[in-house]
Amino acid sequence: MSEVDKRNRLGEEPFSYKDSKDKKVFIYWHGKQVTILKGKESDKFLARIEKAYSKEKQLIMAKVTGNFKHGNEKMK
């Protein structure tokens, strides 16, 4: 994991998520909504996130958003 997050950005836990009754998953970065998962995508995400621990959860959410893998994201 240390090879993936060399600058320890995920240690700050910038990502969070919330699931709704209608099986949608809302993913947030620093409190701002960045993506919504629906259907099979949300089922797959919830299955993976349940088994993961803190830093893994952050990595899963970063990968799902797609735009947070370049290392040049601006902080608030």
PDB file of N, CA and C in Angstrom:
ATOM      1  N   MET A   1       0.826  -1.199   0.000  1.00  0.00           N
ATOM      2  CA  MET A   1       0.000   0.000   0.000  1.00  0.00           C
ATOM      3  C   MET A   1       0.868   1.260   0.000  1.00  0.00           C
ATOM      4  N   SER A   2       2.029   1.216   0.644  1.00  0.00           N
ATOM      5  CA  SER A   2       2.868   2.405   0.711  1.00  0.00           C
ATOM      6  C   SER A   2       3.363   2.823  -0.669  1.00  0.00           C
ATOM      7  N   GLU A   3       3.515   1.888  -1.592  1.00  0.00           N
ATOM      8  CA  GLU A   3       3.932   2.223  -2.950  1.00  0.00           C
ATOM      9  C   GLU A   3       2.848   2.995  -3.691  1.00  0.00           C
ATOM     10  N   VAL A   4       1.605   2.755  -3.356  1.00  0.00           N
ATOM     11  CA  VAL A   4       0.492   3.396  -4.039  1.00  0.00           C
ATOM     12  C   VAL A   4       0.293   4.820  -3.534  1.00  0.00           C
ATOM     13  N   ASP A   5       0.396   5.008  -2.242  1.00  0.00           N
ATOM     14  CA  ASP A   5       0.120   6.303  -1.612  1.00  0.00           C
ATOM     15  C   ASP A   5       1.405   6.873  -1.017  1.00  0.00           C
ATOM     16  N   LYS A   6       2.337   7.221  -1.858  1.00  0.00           N
ATOM     17  CA  LYS A   6       3.657   7.669  -1.416  1.00  0.00           C
ATOM     18  C   LYS A   6       3.606   8.954  -0.596  1.00  0.00           C
ATOM     19  N   ARG A   7       2.647   9.821  -0.881  1.00  0.00           N
ATOM     20  CA  ARG A   7       2.558  11.099  -0.156  1.00  0.00           C
ATOM     21  C   ARG A   7       1.561  11.056   0.994  1.00  0.00           C
ATOM     22  N   ASN A   8       1.058   9.882   1.311  1.00  0.00           N
ATOM     23  CA  ASN A   8       0.135   9.655   2.430  1.00  0.00           C
ATOM     24  C   ASN A   8      -1.120  10.529   2.361  1.00  0.00           C
ATOM     25  N   ARG A   9      -1.620  10.747   1.178  1.00  0.00           N
ATOM     26  CA  ARG A   9      -2.855  11.524   1.030  1.00  0.00           C
ATOM     27  C   ARG A   9      -4.070  10.750   1.548  1.00  0.00           C
ATOM     28  N   LEU A  10      -4.054   9.428   1.378  1.00  0.00           N
ATOM     29  CA  LEU A  10      -5.195   8.628   1.817  1.00  0.00           C
ATOM     30  C   LEU A  10      -5.224   8.474   3.328  1.00  0.00           C
ATOM     31  N   GLY A  11      -4.109   8.699   3.981  1.00  0.00           N
ATOM     32  CA  GLY A  11      -4.061   8.654   5.444  1.00  0.00           C
ATOM     33  C   GLY A  11      -4.902   9.753   6.069  1.00  0.00           C
ATOM     34  N   GLU A  12      -5.117  10.811   5.327  1.00  0.00           N
ATOM     35  CA  GLU A  12      -5.951  11.925   5.794  1.00  0.00           C
ATOM     36  C   GLU A  12      -7.440  11.620   5.646  1.00  0.00           C
ATOM     37  N   GLU A  13      -7.753  10.503   5.022  1.00  0.00           N
ATOM     38  CA  GLU A  13      -9.125  10.052   4.762  1.00  0.00           C
ATOM     39  C   GLU A  13      -9.986  11.129   4.082  1.00  0.00           C
ATOM     40  N   PRO A  14      -9.601  11.524   2.875  1.00  0.00           N
ATOM     41  CA  PRO A  14     -10.364  12.556   2.162  1.00  0.00           C
ATOM     42  C   PRO A  14     -11.690  12.058   1.584  1.00  0.00           C
ATOM     43  N   PHE A  15     -11.818  10.744   1.411  1.00  0.00           N
ATOM     44  CA  PHE A  15     -13.028  10.185   0.807  1.00  0.00           C
ATOM     45  C   PHE A  15     -13.993   9.664   1.854  1.00  0.00           C
ATOM     46  N   SER A  16     -15.261   9.763   1.537  1.00  0.00           N
ATOM     47  CA  SER A  16     -16.314   9.150   2.351  1.00  0.00           C
ATOM     48  C   SER A  16     -17.418   8.718   1.403  1.00  0.00           C
ATOM     49  N   TYR A  17     -18.345   7.927   1.915  1.00  0.00           N
ATOM     50  CA  TYR A  17     -19.461   7.496   1.071  1.00  0.00           C
ATOM     51  C   TYR A  17     -20.719   7.352   1.904  1.00  0.00           C
ATOM     52  N   LYS A  18     -21.826   7.338   1.191  1.00  0.00           N
ATOM     53  CA  LYS A  18     -23.136   7.158   1.829  1.00  0.00           C
ATOM     54  C   LYS A  18     -23.972   6.330   0.869  1.00  0.00           C
ATOM     55  N   ASP A  19     -24.624   5.299   1.396  1.00  0.00           N
ATOM     56  CA  ASP A  19     -25.502   4.505   0.526  1.00  0.00           C
ATOM     57  C   ASP A  19     -26.950   4.824   0.857  1.00  0.00           C
ATOM     58  N   SER A  20     -27.792   4.762  -0.160  1.00  0.00           N
ATOM     59  CA  SER A  20     -29.199   5.106   0.010  1.00  0.00           C
ATOM     60  C   SER A  20     -30.065   3.851  -0.080  1.00  0.00           C
ATOM     61  N   LYS A  21     -31.333   4.017   0.232  1.00  0.00           N
ATOM     62  CA  LYS A  21     -32.276   2.890   0.214  1.00  0.00           C
ATOM     63  C   LYS A  21     -32.456   2.305  -1.187  1.00  0.00           C
ATOM     64  N   ASP A  22     -32.344   3.148  -2.197  1.00  0.00           N
ATOM     65  CA  ASP A  22     -32.547   2.681  -3.567  1.00  0.00           C
ATOM     66  C   ASP A  22     -31.247   2.179  -4.214  1.00  0.00           C
ATOM     67  N   LYS A  23     -30.320   1.721  -3.389  1.00  0.00           N
ATOM     68  CA  LYS A  23     -29.059   1.092  -3.815  1.00  0.00           C
ATOM     69  C   LYS A  23     -28.146   2.011  -4.613  1.00  0.00           C
ATOM     70  N   LYS A  24     -28.165   3.292  -4.303  1.00  0.00           N
ATOM     71  CA  LYS A  24     -27.210   4.223  -4.892  1.00  0.00           C
ATOM     72  C   LYS A  24     -26.130   4.491  -3.851  1.00  0.00           C
ATOM     73  N   VAL A  25     -24.909   4.689  -4.320  1.00  0.00           N
ATOM     74  CA  VAL A  25     -23.807   5.022  -3.430  1.00  0.00           C
ATOM     75  C   VAL A  25     -23.248   6.373  -3.867  1.00  0.00           C
ATOM     76  N   PHE A  26     -23.214   7.311  -2.932  1.00  0.00           N
ATOM     77  CA  PHE A  26     -22.688   8.643  -3.183  1.00  0.00           C
ATOM     78  C   PHE A  26     -21.283   8.708  -2.602  1.00  0.00           C
ATOM     79  N   ILE A  27     -20.306   9.071  -3.409  1.00  0.00           N
ATOM     80  CA  ILE A  27     -18.932   9.154  -2.947  1.00  0.00           C
ATOM     81  C   ILE A  27     -18.526  10.623  -2.877  1.00  0.00           C
ATOM     82  N   TYR A  28     -17.920  10.993  -1.751  1.00  0.00           N
ATOM     83  CA  TYR A  28     -17.539  12.370  -1.474  1.00  0.00           C
ATOM     84  C   TYR A  28     -16.028  12.485  -1.309  1.00  0.00           C
ATOM     85  N   TRP A  29     -15.490  13.618  -1.714  1.00  0.00           N
ATOM     86  CA  TRP A  29     -14.088  13.956  -1.507  1.00  0.00           C
ATOM     87  C   TRP A  29     -14.063  15.287  -0.775  1.00  0.00           C
ATOM     88  N   HIS A  30     -13.545  15.285   0.444  1.00  0.00           N
ATOM     89  CA  HIS A  30     -13.542  16.467   1.314  1.00  0.00           C
ATOM     90  C   HIS A  30     -14.944  17.059   1.432  1.00  0.00           C
ATOM     91  N   GLY A  31     -15.943  16.191   1.551  1.00  0.00           N
ATOM     92  CA  GLY A  31     -17.320  16.630   1.744  1.00  0.00           C
ATOM     93  C   GLY A  31     -18.067  17.026   0.483  1.00  0.00           C
ATOM     94  N   LYS A  32     -17.399  17.017  -0.654  1.00  0.00           N
ATOM     95  CA  LYS A  32     -18.058  17.374  -1.916  1.00  0.00           C
ATOM     96  C   LYS A  32     -18.350  16.103  -2.701  1.00  0.00           C
ATOM     97  N   GLN A  33     -19.583  15.978  -3.168  1.00  0.00           N
ATOM     98  CA  GLN A  33     -19.968  14.800  -3.940  1.00  0.00           C
ATOM     99  C   GLN A  33     -19.227  14.784  -5.270  1.00  0.00           C
ATOM    100  N   VAL A  34     -18.567  13.639  -5.556  1.00  0.00           N
ATOM    101  CA  VAL A  34     -17.817  13.539  -6.805  1.00  0.00           C
ATOM    102  C   VAL A  34     -18.359  12.486  -7.750  1.00  0.00           C
ATOM    103  N   THR A  35     -19.086  11.504  -7.243  1.00  0.00           N
ATOM    104  CA  THR A  35     -19.665  10.489  -8.127  1.00  0.00           C
ATOM    105  C   THR A  35     -20.819   9.765  -7.446  1.00  0.00           C
ATOM    106  N   ILE A  36     -21.638   9.131  -8.282  1.00  0.00           N
ATOM    107  CA  ILE A  36     -22.748   8.309  -7.807  1.00  0.00           C
ATOM    108  C   ILE A  36     -22.650   6.960  -8.500  1.00  0.00           C
ATOM    109  N   LEU A  37     -22.744   5.900  -7.726  1.00  0.00           N
ATOM    110  CA  LEU A  37     -22.745   4.547  -8.283  1.00  0.00           C
ATOM    111  C   LEU A  37     -24.154   3.993  -8.194  1.00  0.00           C
ATOM    112  N   LYS A  38     -24.570   3.264  -9.231  1.00  0.00           N
ATOM    113  CA  LYS A  38     -25.913   2.680  -9.273  1.00  0.00           C
ATOM    114  C   LYS A  38     -25.830   1.227  -9.712  1.00  0.00           C
ATOM    115  N   GLY A  39     -26.857   0.468  -9.396  1.00  0.00           N
ATOM    116  CA  GLY A  39     -26.991  -0.903  -9.884  1.00  0.00           C
ATOM    117  C   GLY A  39     -25.846  -1.814  -9.513  1.00  0.00           C
ATOM    118  N   LYS A  40     -25.331  -2.533 -10.511  1.00  0.00           N
ATOM    119  CA  LYS A  40     -24.263  -3.514 -10.276  1.00  0.00           C
ATOM    120  C   LYS A  40     -22.991  -2.861  -9.759  1.00  0.00           C
ATOM    121  N   GLU A  41     -22.711  -1.645 -10.221  1.00  0.00           N
ATOM    122  CA  GLU A  41     -21.525  -0.924  -9.741  1.00  0.00           C
ATOM    123  C   GLU A  41     -21.596  -0.697  -8.237  1.00  0.00           C
ATOM    124  N   SER A  42     -22.758  -0.273  -7.755  1.00  0.00           N
ATOM    125  CA  SER A  42     -22.896  -0.006  -6.325  1.00  0.00           C
ATOM    126  C   SER A  42     -22.855  -1.309  -5.519  1.00  0.00           C
ATOM    127  N   ASP A  43     -23.437  -2.373  -6.042  1.00  0.00           N
ATOM    128  CA  ASP A  43     -23.380  -3.674  -5.351  1.00  0.00           C
ATOM    129  C   ASP A  43     -21.940  -4.153  -5.214  1.00  0.00           C
ATOM    130  N   LYS A  44     -21.190  -4.047  -6.294  1.00  0.00           N
ATOM    131  CA  LYS A  44     -19.791  -4.468  -6.298  1.00  0.00           C
ATOM    132  C   LYS A  44     -18.965  -3.614  -5.322  1.00  0.00           C
ATOM    133  N   PHE A  45     -19.208  -2.308  -5.346  1.00  0.00           N
ATOM    134  CA  PHE A  45     -18.496  -1.392  -4.456  1.00  0.00           C
ATOM    135  C   PHE A  45     -18.762  -1.728  -2.992  1.00  0.00           C
ATOM    136  N   LEU A  46     -20.035  -1.906  -2.643  1.00  0.00           N
ATOM    137  CA  LEU A  46     -20.390  -2.188  -1.248  1.00  0.00           C
ATOM    138  C   LEU A  46     -19.811  -3.523  -0.772  1.00  0.00           C
ATOM    139  N   ALA A  47     -19.763  -4.508  -1.650  1.00  0.00           N
ATOM    140  CA  ALA A  47     -19.173  -5.800  -1.284  1.00  0.00           C
ATOM    141  C   ALA A  47     -17.677  -5.647  -1.006  1.00  0.00           C
ATOM    142  N   ARG A  48     -16.991  -4.866  -1.814  1.00  0.00           N
ATOM    143  CA  ARG A  48     -15.544  -4.659  -1.622  1.00  0.00           C
ATOM    144  C   ARG A  48     -15.253  -3.812  -0.395  1.00  0.00           C
ATOM    145  N   ILE A  49     -16.036  -2.774  -0.181  1.00  0.00           N
ATOM    146  CA  ILE A  49     -15.771  -1.822   0.897  1.00  0.00           C
ATOM    147  C   ILE A  49     -16.029  -2.456   2.274  1.00  0.00           C
ATOM    148  N   GLU A  50     -16.977  -3.395   2.330  1.00  0.00           N
ATOM    149  CA  GLU A  50     -17.290  -4.093   3.592  1.00  0.00           C
ATOM    150  C   GLU A  50     -16.092  -4.849   4.137  1.00  0.00           C
ATOM    151  N   LYS A  51     -15.315  -5.461   3.241  1.00  0.00           N
ATOM    152  CA  LYS A  51     -14.198  -6.314   3.631  1.00  0.00           C
ATOM    153  C   LYS A  51     -12.903  -5.532   3.863  1.00  0.00           C
ATOM    154  N   ALA A  52     -12.861  -4.298   3.438  1.00  0.00           N
ATOM    155  CA  ALA A  52     -11.628  -3.508   3.495  1.00  0.00           C
ATOM    156  C   ALA A  52     -11.469  -2.796   4.837  1.00  0.00           C
ATOM    157  N   TYR A  53     -10.230  -2.455   5.151  1.00  0.00           N
ATOM    158  CA  TYR A  53      -9.964  -1.633   6.322  1.00  0.00           C
ATOM    159  C   TYR A  53      -9.701  -0.201   5.856  1.00  0.00           C
ATOM    160  N   SER A  54      -9.494   0.700   6.775  1.00  0.00           N
ATOM    161  CA  SER A  54      -9.513   2.140   6.543  1.00  0.00           C
ATOM    162  C   SER A  54      -8.766   2.611   5.289  1.00  0.00           C
ATOM    163  N   LYS A  55      -7.487   2.343   5.187  1.00  0.00           N
ATOM    164  CA  LYS A  55      -6.713   2.863   4.062  1.00  0.00           C
ATOM    165  C   LYS A  55      -7.118   2.178   2.752  1.00  0.00           C
ATOM    166  N   GLU A  56      -7.483   0.907   2.831  1.00  0.00           N
ATOM    167  CA  GLU A  56      -7.977   0.200   1.639  1.00  0.00           C
ATOM    168  C   GLU A  56      -9.270   0.826   1.143  1.00  0.00           C
ATOM    169  N   LYS A  57     -10.147   1.197   2.076  1.00  0.00           N
ATOM    170  CA  LYS A  57     -11.408   1.844   1.702  1.00  0.00           C
ATOM    171  C   LYS A  57     -11.134   3.134   0.937  1.00  0.00           C
ATOM    172  N   GLN A  58     -10.159   3.897   1.414  1.00  0.00           N
ATOM    173  CA  GLN A  58      -9.807   5.142   0.748  1.00  0.00           C
ATOM    174  C   GLN A  58      -9.312   4.884  -0.673  1.00  0.00           C
ATOM    175  N   LEU A  59      -8.497   3.858  -0.830  1.00  0.00           N
ATOM    176  CA  LEU A  59      -7.966   3.508  -2.144  1.00  0.00           C
ATOM    177  C   LEU A  59      -9.074   3.050  -3.094  1.00  0.00           C
ATOM    178  N   ILE A  60      -9.992   2.251  -2.585  1.00  0.00           N
ATOM    179  CA  ILE A  60     -11.128   1.783  -3.391  1.00  0.00           C
ATOM    180  C   ILE A  60     -11.946   2.974  -3.889  1.00  0.00           C
ATOM    181  N   MET A  61     -12.234   3.912  -2.983  1.00  0.00           N
ATOM    182  CA  MET A  61     -13.024   5.082  -3.371  1.00  0.00           C
ATOM    183  C   MET A  61     -12.263   5.961  -4.357  1.00  0.00           C
ATOM    184  N   ALA A  62     -10.959   6.098  -4.186  1.00  0.00           N
ATOM    185  CA  ALA A  62     -10.157   6.890  -5.118  1.00  0.00           C
ATOM    186  C   ALA A  62     -10.178   6.268  -6.505  1.00  0.00           C
ATOM    187  N   LYS A  63     -10.070   4.965  -6.577  1.00  0.00           N
ATOM    188  CA  LYS A  63     -10.073   4.280  -7.865  1.00  0.00           C
ATOM    189  C   LYS A  63     -11.436   4.374  -8.547  1.00  0.00           C
ATOM    190  N   VAL A  64     -12.499   4.269  -7.780  1.00  0.00           N
ATOM    191  CA  VAL A  64     -13.851   4.315  -8.343  1.00  0.00           C
ATOM    192  C   VAL A  64     -14.136   5.684  -8.966  1.00  0.00           C
ATOM    193  N   THR A  65     -13.625   6.741  -8.356  1.00  0.00           N
ATOM    194  CA  THR A  65     -13.894   8.076  -8.890  1.00  0.00           C
ATOM    195  C   THR A  65     -13.185   8.312 -10.209  1.00  0.00           C
ATOM    196  N   GLY A  66     -12.039   7.670 -10.418  1.00  0.00           N
ATOM    197  CA  GLY A  66     -11.347   7.758 -11.691  1.00  0.00           C
ATOM    198  C   GLY A  66     -10.459   8.971 -11.877  1.00  0.00           C
ATOM    199  N   ASN A  67     -10.840  10.126 -11.406  1.00  0.00           N
ATOM    200  CA  ASN A  67     -10.045  11.332 -11.600  1.00  0.00           C
ATOM    201  C   ASN A  67      -9.038  11.579 -10.497  1.00  0.00           C
ATOM    202  N   PHE A  68      -8.936  10.697  -9.559  1.00  0.00           N
ATOM    203  CA  PHE A  68      -8.064  10.909  -8.417  1.00  0.00           C
ATOM    204  C   PHE A  68      -6.905   9.931  -8.420  1.00  0.00           C
ATOM    205  N   LYS A  69      -6.337   9.685  -9.586  1.00  0.00           N
ATOM    206  CA  LYS A  69      -5.249   8.732  -9.659  1.00  0.00           C
ATOM    207  C   LYS A  69      -3.997   9.324 -10.279  1.00  0.00           C
ATOM    208  N   HIS A  70      -3.999  10.613 -10.529  1.00  0.00           N
ATOM    209  CA  HIS A  70      -2.879  11.229 -11.213  1.00  0.00           C
ATOM    210  C   HIS A  70      -1.840  11.818 -10.268  1.00  0.00           C
ATOM    211  N   GLY A  71      -2.229  12.099  -9.019  1.00  0.00           N
ATOM    212  CA  GLY A  71      -1.302  12.661  -8.051  1.00  0.00           C
ATOM    213  C   GLY A  71      -1.176  14.169  -8.135  1.00  0.00           C
ATOM    214  N   ASN A  72      -1.969  14.791  -8.994  1.00  0.00           N
ATOM    215  CA  ASN A  72      -1.891  16.255  -9.114  1.00  0.00           C
ATOM    216  C   ASN A  72      -3.180  16.939  -8.674  1.00  0.00           C
ATOM    217  N   GLU A  73      -3.964  16.261  -7.870  1.00  0.00           N
ATOM    218  CA  GLU A  73      -5.215  16.836  -7.409  1.00  0.00           C
ATOM    219  C   GLU A  73      -4.920  17.989  -6.453  1.00  0.00           C
ATOM    220  N   LYS A  74      -5.672  19.041  -6.576  1.00  0.00           N
ATOM    221  CA  LYS A  74      -5.469  20.207  -5.717  1.00  0.00           C
ATOM    222  C   LYS A  74      -6.203  20.004  -4.403  1.00  0.00           C
ATOM    223  N   MET A  75      -5.562  20.406  -3.349  1.00  0.00           N
ATOM    224  CA  MET A  75      -6.196  20.353  -2.030  1.00  0.00           C
ATOM    225  C   MET A  75      -7.081  21.589  -1.893  1.00  0.00           C
ATOM    226  N   LYS A  76      -7.942  21.594  -0.893  1.00  0.00           N
ATOM    227  CA  LYS A  76      -8.867  22.699  -0.673  1.00  0.00           C
ATOM    228  C   LYS A  76      -8.191  24.034  -0.666  1.00  0.00           C
TER     229      LYS A  76
END
